[in-house]
């Protein structure tokens, strides 16, 4: 119960918590009202960088969500040209993370990372279509145990300014394992073949738990 109310903090959050607490102390020295604002800010920083445990299905016939947030796209598209997949058709699911969602990202499936590719870019609102092609982003191409290529893309948003990658090329992953996070509002795209989508636009997803697609 305690861990649900106060989940552990992601390592990226400690320095921001320290800064927020220092600002709160400074604000309180001027007025109680400013101090209250600082306290609310500190609570929000802790909440943003929370890293809760999740219950993973561990079933290789499903893809789980890589992110908390709202499903904003379920469509068929060309594969990412950055990975040389533009001549193949993929289904794509996009999940938008607002500043109140947990931003720790997880792998949809068990498998091995074949490639990680970082692309610098702009900072449009992550909910816009052009964010997938224009924004700063990080690609993970994962070979699942069925031999399928699953692509996860971390996309920075309007105020996001750092994509954190916590995995390496050729690393073996368990389904739902943490792969990184994005700071302050962002989006995650999942490209896949040979699975059927189980979600619809407007649905809320939970990283590591929501079932996105089925074999």
N, C-alpha and C. Protein backbone atom coordinates (compact mmCIF):
# COMPACT_ATOMS: atom_id res chain seq x y z
N UNK A 1 0.84 -1.21 0.00
CA UNK A 1 0.00 0.00 0.00
C UNK A 1 0.87 1.26 0.00
N UNK A 2 1.94 1.26 0.80
CA UNK A 2 2.81 2.45 0.88
C UNK A 2 3.43 2.75 -0.48
N UNK A 3 3.87 1.69 -1.19
CA UNK A 3 4.52 1.89 -2.49
C UNK A 3 3.56 2.41 -3.54
N UNK A 4 2.24 2.14 -3.36
CA UNK A 4 1.27 2.68 -4.31
C UNK A 4 1.04 4.17 -4.08
N UNK A 5 1.05 4.57 -2.81
CA UNK A 5 0.85 5.99 -2.49
C UNK A 5 2.12 6.79 -2.75
N UNK A 6 3.28 6.20 -2.40
CA UNK A 6 4.57 6.85 -2.59
C UNK A 6 5.49 5.94 -3.41
N UNK A 7 5.28 5.88 -4.73
CA UNK A 7 6.13 5.03 -5.57
C UNK A 7 7.56 5.54 -5.58
N UNK A 8 8.48 4.65 -5.92
CA UNK A 8 9.88 5.06 -5.95
C UNK A 8 10.09 6.13 -7.02
N UNK A 9 11.18 6.86 -6.85
CA UNK A 9 11.51 7.97 -7.75
C UNK A 9 12.52 7.49 -8.79
N UNK A 10 12.30 7.90 -10.04
CA UNK A 10 13.29 7.60 -11.08
C UNK A 10 14.56 8.39 -10.80
N UNK A 11 15.70 7.82 -11.16
CA UNK A 11 17.00 8.46 -10.87
C UNK A 11 17.11 9.85 -11.48
N UNK A 12 16.42 10.10 -12.59
CA UNK A 12 16.46 11.42 -13.22
C UNK A 12 15.82 12.50 -12.35
N UNK A 13 14.98 12.09 -11.40
CA UNK A 13 14.21 13.06 -10.64
C UNK A 13 14.88 13.64 -9.43
N UNK A 14 15.95 13.01 -8.91
CA UNK A 14 16.53 13.45 -7.64
C UNK A 14 17.03 14.89 -7.68
N UNK A 15 17.73 15.25 -8.74
CA UNK A 15 18.28 16.61 -8.80
C UNK A 15 17.16 17.65 -8.90
N UNK A 16 16.05 17.28 -9.57
CA UNK A 16 14.94 18.22 -9.69
C UNK A 16 14.21 18.37 -8.36
N UNK A 17 14.13 17.29 -7.60
CA UNK A 17 13.53 17.37 -6.27
C UNK A 17 14.35 18.28 -5.37
N UNK A 18 15.68 18.14 -5.42
CA UNK A 18 16.56 18.99 -4.61
C UNK A 18 16.37 20.46 -4.98
N UNK A 19 16.33 20.74 -6.28
CA UNK A 19 16.13 22.12 -6.74
C UNK A 19 14.78 22.65 -6.26
N UNK A 20 13.73 21.83 -6.37
CA UNK A 20 12.39 22.26 -5.97
C UNK A 20 12.33 22.53 -4.47
N UNK A 21 12.97 21.70 -3.67
CA UNK A 21 12.97 21.89 -2.22
C UNK A 21 13.72 23.17 -1.84
N UNK A 22 14.86 23.40 -2.48
CA UNK A 22 15.63 24.63 -2.21
C UNK A 22 14.80 25.86 -2.56
N UNK A 23 14.12 25.81 -3.72
CA UNK A 23 13.27 26.94 -4.12
C UNK A 23 12.13 27.14 -3.13
N UNK A 24 11.58 26.04 -2.63
CA UNK A 24 10.49 26.14 -1.65
C UNK A 24 10.96 26.85 -0.38
N UNK A 25 12.15 26.50 0.10
CA UNK A 25 12.71 27.15 1.29
C UNK A 25 12.92 28.63 1.05
N UNK A 26 13.44 28.96 -0.13
CA UNK A 26 13.67 30.37 -0.48
C UNK A 26 12.34 31.12 -0.56
N UNK A 27 11.35 30.50 -1.20
CA UNK A 27 10.03 31.12 -1.32
C UNK A 27 9.41 31.38 0.04
N UNK A 28 9.55 30.40 0.96
CA UNK A 28 8.98 30.56 2.31
C UNK A 28 9.61 31.72 3.05
N UNK A 29 10.88 32.01 2.74
CA UNK A 29 11.55 33.13 3.41
C UNK A 29 10.94 34.47 3.02
N UNK A 30 10.22 34.50 1.88
CA UNK A 30 9.57 35.73 1.44
C UNK A 30 8.12 35.80 1.90
N UNK A 31 7.39 34.66 1.74
CA UNK A 31 5.99 34.64 2.17
C UNK A 31 5.48 33.22 2.23
N UNK A 32 4.45 33.02 3.06
CA UNK A 32 3.85 31.69 3.15
C UNK A 32 3.19 31.28 1.84
N UNK A 33 2.62 32.26 1.14
CA UNK A 33 1.96 31.97 -0.13
C UNK A 33 2.95 31.44 -1.16
N UNK A 34 4.09 32.12 -1.28
CA UNK A 34 5.12 31.66 -2.21
C UNK A 34 5.66 30.29 -1.78
N UNK A 35 5.76 30.10 -0.48
CA UNK A 35 6.22 28.81 0.02
C UNK A 35 5.26 27.69 -0.35
N UNK A 36 3.96 28.00 -0.30
CA UNK A 36 2.95 27.01 -0.68
C UNK A 36 3.08 26.66 -2.16
N UNK A 37 3.35 27.66 -2.98
CA UNK A 37 3.56 27.41 -4.41
C UNK A 37 4.76 26.49 -4.60
N UNK A 38 5.83 26.76 -3.85
CA UNK A 38 7.02 25.91 -3.93
C UNK A 38 6.74 24.49 -3.50
N UNK A 39 5.91 24.34 -2.47
CA UNK A 39 5.55 23.00 -1.98
C UNK A 39 4.77 22.23 -3.04
N UNK A 40 3.81 22.91 -3.65
CA UNK A 40 3.02 22.27 -4.72
C UNK A 40 3.95 21.87 -5.87
N UNK A 41 4.90 22.74 -6.22
CA UNK A 41 5.86 22.44 -7.28
C UNK A 41 6.69 21.21 -6.92
N UNK A 42 7.12 21.12 -5.66
CA UNK A 42 7.92 19.97 -5.23
C UNK A 42 7.13 18.68 -5.32
N UNK A 43 5.86 18.73 -4.93
CA UNK A 43 5.01 17.54 -5.00
C UNK A 43 4.83 17.11 -6.46
N UNK A 44 4.62 18.11 -7.34
CA UNK A 44 4.46 17.79 -8.75
C UNK A 44 5.73 17.16 -9.33
N UNK A 45 6.91 17.67 -8.97
CA UNK A 45 8.17 17.11 -9.47
C UNK A 45 8.31 15.66 -9.04
N UNK A 46 7.99 15.39 -7.77
CA UNK A 46 8.03 14.00 -7.30
C UNK A 46 7.05 13.15 -8.10
N UNK A 47 5.85 13.66 -8.31
CA UNK A 47 4.82 12.93 -9.02
C UNK A 47 5.24 12.66 -10.47
N UNK A 48 5.86 13.63 -11.11
CA UNK A 48 6.27 13.47 -12.50
C UNK A 48 7.32 12.39 -12.64
N UNK A 49 8.28 12.34 -11.72
CA UNK A 49 9.39 11.39 -11.83
C UNK A 49 9.13 10.07 -11.11
N UNK A 50 7.89 9.82 -10.74
CA UNK A 50 7.57 8.55 -10.09
C UNK A 50 7.86 7.38 -11.04
N UNK A 51 8.23 6.27 -10.45
CA UNK A 51 8.57 5.08 -11.24
C UNK A 51 7.91 3.87 -10.58
N UNK A 52 6.59 3.75 -10.69
CA UNK A 52 5.88 2.67 -10.00
C UNK A 52 6.15 1.30 -10.61
N UNK A 53 6.00 0.27 -9.80
CA UNK A 53 6.08 -1.09 -10.32
C UNK A 53 4.79 -1.40 -11.08
N UNK A 54 4.90 -2.23 -12.08
CA UNK A 54 3.74 -2.60 -12.87
C UNK A 54 3.61 -4.13 -12.94
N UNK A 55 2.38 -4.60 -13.12
CA UNK A 55 2.11 -6.04 -13.23
C UNK A 55 2.15 -6.40 -14.71
N UNK A 56 3.15 -7.16 -15.12
CA UNK A 56 3.38 -7.48 -16.52
C UNK A 56 2.74 -8.83 -16.84
N UNK A 57 2.07 -8.94 -17.98
CA UNK A 57 1.38 -10.17 -18.34
C UNK A 57 2.36 -11.30 -18.67
N UNK A 58 3.53 -10.95 -19.22
CA UNK A 58 4.54 -11.95 -19.61
C UNK A 58 3.94 -13.01 -20.53
N UNK A 59 3.28 -12.53 -21.56
CA UNK A 59 2.68 -13.40 -22.57
C UNK A 59 3.17 -12.90 -23.94
N UNK A 60 3.93 -13.74 -24.64
CA UNK A 60 4.54 -13.32 -25.90
C UNK A 60 3.56 -13.18 -27.04
N UNK A 61 2.29 -13.47 -26.81
CA UNK A 61 1.27 -13.28 -27.84
C UNK A 61 0.66 -11.88 -27.79
N UNK A 62 1.14 -11.05 -26.87
CA UNK A 62 0.62 -9.69 -26.73
C UNK A 62 1.75 -8.66 -26.76
N UNK A 63 1.40 -7.46 -27.19
CA UNK A 63 2.27 -6.29 -27.02
C UNK A 63 1.64 -5.42 -25.94
N UNK A 64 2.46 -4.99 -24.98
CA UNK A 64 1.94 -4.12 -23.92
C UNK A 64 2.35 -2.67 -24.20
N UNK A 65 1.67 -1.76 -23.57
CA UNK A 65 1.93 -0.34 -23.82
C UNK A 65 3.31 0.06 -23.32
N UNK A 66 4.05 0.85 -24.10
CA UNK A 66 5.35 1.34 -23.64
C UNK A 66 5.24 2.59 -22.77
N UNK A 67 4.03 3.14 -22.66
CA UNK A 67 3.88 4.43 -21.97
C UNK A 67 2.51 4.57 -21.34
N UNK A 68 2.45 5.39 -20.28
CA UNK A 68 1.18 5.85 -19.74
C UNK A 68 0.67 6.97 -20.64
N UNK A 69 -0.63 7.06 -20.82
CA UNK A 69 -1.15 8.19 -21.58
C UNK A 69 -2.38 7.84 -22.38
N UNK A 70 -2.71 8.72 -23.32
CA UNK A 70 -3.91 8.58 -24.15
C UNK A 70 -3.54 8.05 -25.52
N UNK A 71 -4.28 7.05 -25.99
CA UNK A 71 -4.11 6.56 -27.36
C UNK A 71 -4.63 7.62 -28.32
N UNK A 72 -3.76 8.15 -29.17
CA UNK A 72 -4.18 9.21 -30.09
C UNK A 72 -4.14 8.77 -31.56
N UNK A 73 -3.48 7.63 -31.84
CA UNK A 73 -3.43 7.13 -33.21
C UNK A 73 -3.44 5.60 -33.20
N UNK A 74 -4.27 5.01 -34.06
CA UNK A 74 -4.22 3.58 -34.38
C UNK A 74 -4.39 3.51 -35.89
N UNK A 75 -3.29 3.27 -36.61
CA UNK A 75 -3.35 3.41 -38.06
C UNK A 75 -2.31 2.53 -38.74
N UNK A 76 -2.45 2.41 -40.05
CA UNK A 76 -1.45 1.69 -40.86
C UNK A 76 -0.62 2.72 -41.60
N UNK A 77 0.70 2.56 -41.52
CA UNK A 77 1.62 3.55 -42.10
C UNK A 77 2.83 2.82 -42.70
N UNK A 78 3.65 3.59 -43.43
CA UNK A 78 4.95 3.08 -43.83
C UNK A 78 5.85 3.02 -42.61
N UNK A 79 6.79 2.08 -42.61
CA UNK A 79 7.73 1.99 -41.50
C UNK A 79 8.64 3.20 -41.44
N UNK A 80 9.32 3.41 -40.31
CA UNK A 80 10.21 4.58 -40.17
C UNK A 80 11.35 4.53 -41.18
N UNK A 81 11.48 5.60 -41.96
CA UNK A 81 12.54 5.65 -42.95
C UNK A 81 13.92 5.72 -42.30
N UNK A 82 13.97 6.23 -41.09
CA UNK A 82 15.25 6.33 -40.37
C UNK A 82 15.87 4.95 -40.12
N UNK A 83 15.02 3.93 -40.09
CA UNK A 83 15.50 2.55 -39.86
C UNK A 83 15.48 1.73 -41.14
N UNK A 84 15.24 2.40 -42.28
CA UNK A 84 15.22 1.69 -43.56
C UNK A 84 13.99 0.82 -43.75
N UNK A 85 12.89 1.17 -43.09
CA UNK A 85 11.68 0.34 -43.14
C UNK A 85 10.55 1.01 -43.91
N UNK A 86 10.87 2.05 -44.68
CA UNK A 86 9.82 2.84 -45.34
C UNK A 86 9.09 2.08 -46.44
N UNK A 87 9.63 0.96 -46.92
CA UNK A 87 8.98 0.19 -47.97
C UNK A 87 8.12 -0.95 -47.43
N UNK A 88 7.91 -0.97 -46.13
CA UNK A 88 7.06 -1.98 -45.50
C UNK A 88 5.90 -1.30 -44.76
N UNK A 89 4.76 -1.96 -44.77
CA UNK A 89 3.59 -1.44 -44.07
C UNK A 89 3.57 -1.95 -42.63
N UNK A 90 3.39 -1.02 -41.71
CA UNK A 90 3.29 -1.34 -40.29
C UNK A 90 1.99 -0.77 -39.74
N UNK A 91 1.49 -1.38 -38.70
CA UNK A 91 0.46 -0.74 -37.89
C UNK A 91 1.17 0.11 -36.84
N UNK A 92 0.60 1.26 -36.54
CA UNK A 92 1.23 2.15 -35.56
C UNK A 92 0.21 2.58 -34.52
N UNK A 93 0.63 2.53 -33.27
CA UNK A 93 -0.17 3.05 -32.16
C UNK A 93 0.63 4.15 -31.49
N UNK A 94 0.02 5.32 -31.31
CA UNK A 94 0.69 6.46 -30.68
C UNK A 94 0.03 6.76 -29.34
N UNK A 95 0.85 6.99 -28.34
CA UNK A 95 0.38 7.29 -26.98
C UNK A 95 0.93 8.64 -26.56
N UNK A 96 0.03 9.56 -26.22
CA UNK A 96 0.44 10.90 -25.79
C UNK A 96 0.52 10.97 -24.27
N UNK A 97 1.67 11.41 -23.77
CA UNK A 97 1.90 11.55 -22.33
C UNK A 97 1.83 13.03 -21.96
N UNK A 98 0.87 13.40 -21.13
CA UNK A 98 0.84 14.78 -20.66
C UNK A 98 1.73 14.91 -19.42
N UNK A 99 1.83 16.11 -18.87
CA UNK A 99 2.78 16.36 -17.79
C UNK A 99 2.37 15.71 -16.47
N UNK A 100 1.20 15.09 -16.43
CA UNK A 100 0.76 14.40 -15.21
C UNK A 100 0.90 12.88 -15.32
N UNK A 101 1.24 12.39 -16.51
CA UNK A 101 1.43 10.96 -16.70
C UNK A 101 2.82 10.53 -16.24
N UNK A 102 2.93 9.26 -15.86
CA UNK A 102 4.25 8.68 -15.59
C UNK A 102 5.01 8.61 -16.91
N UNK A 103 6.28 9.04 -16.91
CA UNK A 103 7.04 9.13 -18.16
C UNK A 103 8.12 8.06 -18.31
N UNK A 104 8.08 7.05 -17.47
CA UNK A 104 9.01 5.92 -17.62
C UNK A 104 8.46 5.00 -18.71
N UNK A 105 9.29 4.69 -19.70
CA UNK A 105 8.86 3.88 -20.84
C UNK A 105 9.36 2.43 -20.72
N UNK A 106 8.58 1.52 -21.28
CA UNK A 106 8.87 0.09 -21.17
C UNK A 106 8.77 -0.59 -22.54
N UNK A 107 9.42 -1.73 -22.68
CA UNK A 107 9.35 -2.46 -23.95
C UNK A 107 8.02 -3.21 -24.07
N UNK A 108 7.40 -3.19 -25.25
CA UNK A 108 6.12 -3.88 -25.42
C UNK A 108 6.23 -5.40 -25.40
N UNK A 109 7.44 -5.92 -25.64
CA UNK A 109 7.58 -7.36 -25.83
C UNK A 109 8.94 -7.84 -25.31
N UNK A 110 9.02 -9.13 -25.15
CA UNK A 110 10.31 -9.76 -24.87
C UNK A 110 11.09 -9.84 -26.17
N UNK A 111 12.39 -9.58 -26.11
CA UNK A 111 13.18 -9.64 -27.33
C UNK A 111 14.54 -9.02 -27.16
N UNK A 112 15.25 -8.86 -28.27
CA UNK A 112 16.59 -8.28 -28.27
C UNK A 112 16.60 -6.98 -29.07
N UNK A 113 17.26 -5.98 -28.53
CA UNK A 113 17.37 -4.69 -29.23
C UNK A 113 18.36 -4.84 -30.39
N UNK A 114 17.84 -4.69 -31.60
CA UNK A 114 18.69 -4.80 -32.78
C UNK A 114 19.37 -3.46 -33.11
N UNK A 115 18.67 -2.37 -32.82
CA UNK A 115 19.21 -1.05 -33.16
C UNK A 115 18.59 0.02 -32.27
N UNK A 116 19.42 1.00 -31.90
CA UNK A 116 18.94 2.20 -31.21
C UNK A 116 19.44 3.39 -32.01
N UNK A 117 18.54 4.28 -32.38
CA UNK A 117 18.91 5.43 -33.22
C UNK A 117 18.31 6.70 -32.66
N UNK A 118 19.16 7.66 -32.35
CA UNK A 118 18.71 8.96 -31.85
C UNK A 118 18.70 9.98 -32.99
N UNK A 119 17.62 10.75 -33.09
CA UNK A 119 17.52 11.79 -34.10
C UNK A 119 17.19 13.12 -33.43
N UNK A 120 18.06 14.13 -33.55
CA UNK A 120 17.71 15.45 -33.03
C UNK A 120 16.57 16.05 -33.84
N UNK A 121 15.88 16.99 -33.25
CA UNK A 121 14.77 17.59 -33.98
C UNK A 121 14.15 18.75 -33.25
N UNK A 122 12.92 19.06 -33.62
CA UNK A 122 12.22 20.22 -33.08
C UNK A 122 11.38 19.81 -31.87
N UNK A 123 10.58 20.74 -31.37
CA UNK A 123 9.79 20.49 -30.16
C UNK A 123 8.35 20.95 -30.36
N UNK A 124 7.70 20.39 -31.39
CA UNK A 124 6.29 20.66 -31.58
C UNK A 124 5.47 19.91 -30.52
N UNK A 125 4.21 20.30 -30.38
CA UNK A 125 3.33 19.56 -29.49
C UNK A 125 3.32 18.09 -29.92
N UNK A 126 3.58 17.18 -28.96
CA UNK A 126 3.75 15.77 -29.29
C UNK A 126 2.47 15.11 -29.80
N UNK A 127 1.32 15.75 -29.61
CA UNK A 127 0.07 15.18 -30.10
C UNK A 127 -0.14 15.41 -31.59
N UNK A 128 0.65 16.28 -32.21
CA UNK A 128 0.51 16.59 -33.63
C UNK A 128 1.13 15.49 -34.49
N UNK A 129 0.57 15.29 -35.70
CA UNK A 129 1.08 14.26 -36.60
C UNK A 129 2.54 14.47 -36.95
N UNK A 130 2.94 15.73 -37.17
CA UNK A 130 4.31 16.00 -37.61
C UNK A 130 5.35 15.73 -36.53
N UNK A 131 4.91 15.52 -35.29
CA UNK A 131 5.87 15.23 -34.23
C UNK A 131 6.63 13.95 -34.50
N UNK A 132 5.98 12.96 -35.14
CA UNK A 132 6.62 11.68 -35.43
C UNK A 132 7.80 11.82 -36.38
N UNK A 133 7.78 12.87 -37.20
CA UNK A 133 8.85 13.04 -38.19
C UNK A 133 9.76 14.22 -37.91
N UNK A 134 9.27 15.22 -37.18
CA UNK A 134 10.04 16.45 -37.00
C UNK A 134 10.67 16.62 -35.62
N UNK A 135 10.07 16.02 -34.59
CA UNK A 135 10.55 16.25 -33.23
C UNK A 135 11.79 15.42 -32.90
N UNK A 136 12.49 15.82 -31.85
CA UNK A 136 13.57 15.01 -31.31
C UNK A 136 12.99 13.65 -30.91
N UNK A 137 13.72 12.56 -31.26
CA UNK A 137 13.16 11.24 -31.00
C UNK A 137 14.26 10.19 -30.90
N UNK A 138 13.90 9.06 -30.32
CA UNK A 138 14.83 7.96 -30.15
C UNK A 138 14.12 6.67 -30.56
N UNK A 139 14.74 5.92 -31.48
CA UNK A 139 14.15 4.70 -32.01
C UNK A 139 14.78 3.45 -31.38
N UNK A 140 13.94 2.48 -31.04
CA UNK A 140 14.40 1.18 -30.60
C UNK A 140 13.80 0.14 -31.55
N UNK A 141 14.65 -0.61 -32.28
CA UNK A 141 14.15 -1.71 -33.09
C UNK A 141 14.41 -3.00 -32.33
N UNK A 142 13.34 -3.71 -32.01
CA UNK A 142 13.42 -4.89 -31.16
C UNK A 142 12.97 -6.12 -31.94
N UNK A 143 13.75 -7.18 -31.90
CA UNK A 143 13.34 -8.45 -32.48
C UNK A 143 12.66 -9.27 -31.40
N UNK A 144 11.36 -9.55 -31.60
CA UNK A 144 10.67 -10.34 -30.59
C UNK A 144 10.93 -11.83 -30.80
N UNK A 145 10.40 -12.66 -29.94
CA UNK A 145 10.73 -14.10 -30.01
C UNK A 145 10.06 -14.78 -31.20
N UNK A 146 9.10 -14.09 -31.86
CA UNK A 146 8.47 -14.63 -33.06
C UNK A 146 9.26 -14.28 -34.32
N UNK A 147 10.32 -13.48 -34.16
CA UNK A 147 11.09 -13.04 -35.32
C UNK A 147 10.55 -11.77 -35.94
N UNK A 148 9.56 -11.15 -35.31
CA UNK A 148 9.01 -9.89 -35.81
C UNK A 148 9.84 -8.71 -35.32
N UNK A 149 9.84 -7.65 -36.11
CA UNK A 149 10.51 -6.42 -35.71
C UNK A 149 9.48 -5.46 -35.12
N UNK A 150 9.69 -5.10 -33.87
CA UNK A 150 8.83 -4.15 -33.17
C UNK A 150 9.64 -2.87 -32.96
N UNK A 151 9.08 -1.74 -33.34
CA UNK A 151 9.79 -0.46 -33.20
C UNK A 151 9.07 0.40 -32.17
N UNK A 152 9.83 0.88 -31.21
CA UNK A 152 9.32 1.84 -30.23
C UNK A 152 10.05 3.15 -30.44
N UNK A 153 9.30 4.25 -30.49
CA UNK A 153 9.90 5.57 -30.68
C UNK A 153 9.52 6.48 -29.52
N UNK A 154 10.53 6.98 -28.82
CA UNK A 154 10.32 8.02 -27.82
C UNK A 154 10.39 9.37 -28.53
N UNK A 155 9.37 10.20 -28.38
CA UNK A 155 9.30 11.48 -29.09
C UNK A 155 9.17 12.61 -28.08
N UNK A 156 10.10 13.55 -28.13
CA UNK A 156 10.03 14.70 -27.23
C UNK A 156 8.86 15.59 -27.63
N UNK A 157 8.31 16.29 -26.64
CA UNK A 157 7.15 17.14 -26.89
C UNK A 157 7.48 18.61 -26.85
N UNK A 158 6.45 19.41 -26.63
CA UNK A 158 6.57 20.86 -26.67
C UNK A 158 7.53 21.39 -25.61
N UNK A 159 7.47 20.84 -24.40
CA UNK A 159 8.37 21.32 -23.34
C UNK A 159 9.36 20.25 -22.91
N UNK A 160 9.30 19.07 -23.53
CA UNK A 160 10.30 18.03 -23.22
C UNK A 160 11.64 18.45 -23.79
N UNK A 161 12.69 18.24 -23.03
CA UNK A 161 14.01 18.64 -23.49
C UNK A 161 15.08 17.58 -23.28
N UNK A 162 14.67 16.38 -22.92
CA UNK A 162 15.66 15.32 -22.83
C UNK A 162 15.00 13.96 -22.92
N UNK A 163 15.49 13.14 -23.86
CA UNK A 163 15.09 11.75 -23.96
C UNK A 163 16.17 10.93 -23.28
N UNK A 164 15.77 10.11 -22.33
CA UNK A 164 16.71 9.30 -21.57
C UNK A 164 16.62 7.86 -22.05
N UNK A 165 17.72 7.31 -22.55
CA UNK A 165 17.80 5.92 -22.99
C UNK A 165 18.56 5.13 -21.93
N UNK A 166 17.98 4.03 -21.46
CA UNK A 166 18.59 3.24 -20.40
C UNK A 166 18.91 1.82 -20.85
N UNK A 167 18.98 1.61 -22.16
CA UNK A 167 19.28 0.29 -22.69
C UNK A 167 20.38 0.40 -23.74
N UNK A 168 20.84 -0.75 -24.22
CA UNK A 168 21.93 -0.80 -25.18
C UNK A 168 21.61 -1.74 -26.33
N UNK A 169 22.27 -1.51 -27.45
CA UNK A 169 22.13 -2.40 -28.60
C UNK A 169 22.52 -3.82 -28.20
N UNK A 170 21.77 -4.78 -28.71
CA UNK A 170 21.96 -6.22 -28.45
C UNK A 170 21.52 -6.66 -27.05
N UNK A 171 20.97 -5.74 -26.27
CA UNK A 171 20.49 -6.11 -24.94
C UNK A 171 19.22 -6.94 -25.05
N UNK A 172 19.14 -8.00 -24.24
CA UNK A 172 17.93 -8.81 -24.17
C UNK A 172 16.97 -8.22 -23.15
N UNK A 173 15.72 -8.09 -23.53
CA UNK A 173 14.72 -7.46 -22.69
C UNK A 173 13.61 -8.43 -22.33
N UNK A 174 13.08 -8.28 -21.14
CA UNK A 174 11.86 -8.97 -20.75
C UNK A 174 10.69 -8.06 -21.08
N UNK A 175 9.53 -8.63 -21.32
CA UNK A 175 8.35 -7.81 -21.62
C UNK A 175 8.06 -6.87 -20.45
N UNK A 176 7.84 -5.59 -20.79
CA UNK A 176 7.55 -4.59 -19.77
C UNK A 176 8.77 -4.05 -19.05
N UNK A 177 9.96 -4.43 -19.47
CA UNK A 177 11.18 -3.93 -18.82
C UNK A 177 11.39 -2.45 -19.17
N UNK A 178 11.91 -1.68 -18.24
CA UNK A 178 12.15 -0.26 -18.48
C UNK A 178 13.22 -0.05 -19.54
N UNK A 179 12.96 0.88 -20.46
CA UNK A 179 13.94 1.20 -21.49
C UNK A 179 14.41 2.65 -21.42
N UNK A 180 13.70 3.51 -20.67
CA UNK A 180 14.10 4.91 -20.57
C UNK A 180 12.93 5.78 -20.16
N UNK A 181 13.10 7.08 -20.31
CA UNK A 181 12.02 8.02 -20.01
C UNK A 181 12.22 9.30 -20.81
N UNK A 182 11.19 10.14 -20.82
CA UNK A 182 11.26 11.45 -21.47
C UNK A 182 10.83 12.49 -20.45
N UNK A 183 11.57 13.58 -20.39
CA UNK A 183 11.26 14.60 -19.39
C UNK A 183 10.25 15.61 -19.92
N UNK A 184 9.11 15.71 -19.23
CA UNK A 184 8.14 16.80 -19.35
C UNK A 184 7.31 16.81 -20.63
N UNK A 185 6.38 15.89 -20.73
CA UNK A 185 5.39 15.94 -21.81
C UNK A 185 5.91 15.38 -23.12
N UNK A 186 5.33 14.30 -23.63
CA UNK A 186 5.92 13.64 -24.78
C UNK A 186 4.98 12.62 -25.37
N UNK A 187 5.56 11.71 -26.18
CA UNK A 187 4.76 10.74 -26.92
C UNK A 187 5.59 9.49 -27.19
N UNK A 188 4.91 8.36 -27.30
CA UNK A 188 5.58 7.11 -27.69
C UNK A 188 4.80 6.49 -28.84
N UNK A 189 5.51 6.08 -29.89
CA UNK A 189 4.90 5.38 -31.02
C UNK A 189 5.38 3.93 -31.02
N UNK A 190 4.48 3.01 -31.37
CA UNK A 190 4.84 1.60 -31.51
C UNK A 190 4.47 1.17 -32.93
N UNK A 191 5.46 0.63 -33.66
CA UNK A 191 5.23 0.08 -35.00
C UNK A 191 5.32 -1.45 -34.91
N UNK A 192 4.40 -2.15 -35.57
CA UNK A 192 4.42 -3.61 -35.49
C UNK A 192 3.74 -4.22 -36.70
N UNK A 193 4.06 -5.46 -36.97
CA UNK A 193 3.40 -6.28 -37.99
C UNK A 193 2.89 -7.56 -37.32
N UNK A 194 1.94 -8.21 -37.97
CA UNK A 194 1.50 -9.55 -37.55
C UNK A 194 0.85 -9.60 -36.18
N UNK A 195 0.37 -8.46 -35.70
CA UNK A 195 -0.44 -8.39 -34.48
C UNK A 195 -1.71 -7.61 -34.83
N UNK A 196 -2.77 -7.87 -34.09
CA UNK A 196 -4.02 -7.15 -34.30
C UNK A 196 -4.25 -6.19 -33.13
N UNK A 197 -4.56 -4.93 -33.41
CA UNK A 197 -4.73 -3.94 -32.34
C UNK A 197 -5.91 -4.26 -31.43
N UNK A 198 -5.74 -3.96 -30.15
CA UNK A 198 -6.78 -4.20 -29.15
C UNK A 198 -7.29 -2.90 -28.52
N UNK A 199 -6.73 -1.76 -28.93
CA UNK A 199 -7.08 -0.48 -28.31
C UNK A 199 -7.72 0.44 -29.34
N UNK A 200 -8.31 1.52 -28.85
CA UNK A 200 -8.94 2.49 -29.74
C UNK A 200 -8.55 3.90 -29.32
N UNK A 201 -8.72 4.84 -30.21
CA UNK A 201 -8.38 6.24 -29.95
C UNK A 201 -9.20 6.77 -28.78
N UNK A 202 -8.54 7.50 -27.90
CA UNK A 202 -9.20 8.05 -26.72
C UNK A 202 -9.06 7.20 -25.49
N UNK A 203 -8.64 5.96 -25.66
CA UNK A 203 -8.46 5.05 -24.51
C UNK A 203 -7.21 5.44 -23.73
N UNK A 204 -7.25 5.26 -22.41
CA UNK A 204 -6.08 5.49 -21.56
C UNK A 204 -5.26 4.22 -21.47
N UNK A 205 -3.95 4.36 -21.55
CA UNK A 205 -3.05 3.22 -21.47
C UNK A 205 -2.16 3.33 -20.24
N UNK A 206 -1.77 2.17 -19.70
CA UNK A 206 -0.85 2.10 -18.57
C UNK A 206 0.39 1.34 -19.03
N UNK A 207 1.54 1.94 -18.87
CA UNK A 207 2.80 1.36 -19.32
C UNK A 207 3.02 -0.01 -18.70
N UNK A 208 3.32 -0.99 -19.55
CA UNK A 208 3.63 -2.33 -19.07
C UNK A 208 2.41 -3.19 -18.79
N UNK A 209 1.22 -2.59 -18.72
CA UNK A 209 0.02 -3.34 -18.33
C UNK A 209 -1.05 -3.39 -19.41
N UNK A 210 -1.32 -2.26 -20.05
CA UNK A 210 -2.37 -2.24 -21.08
C UNK A 210 -1.95 -3.07 -22.29
N UNK A 211 -2.83 -3.95 -22.75
CA UNK A 211 -2.55 -4.79 -23.91
C UNK A 211 -2.89 -4.02 -25.18
N UNK A 212 -1.86 -3.75 -25.99
CA UNK A 212 -2.05 -2.96 -27.22
C UNK A 212 -2.50 -3.80 -28.39
N UNK A 213 -1.92 -5.00 -28.53
CA UNK A 213 -2.18 -5.82 -29.71
C UNK A 213 -1.97 -7.29 -29.38
N UNK A 214 -2.57 -8.15 -30.21
CA UNK A 214 -2.52 -9.59 -29.98
C UNK A 214 -2.12 -10.31 -31.26
N UNK A 215 -1.35 -11.39 -31.14
CA UNK A 215 -0.96 -12.23 -32.28
C UNK A 215 -2.18 -12.87 -32.91
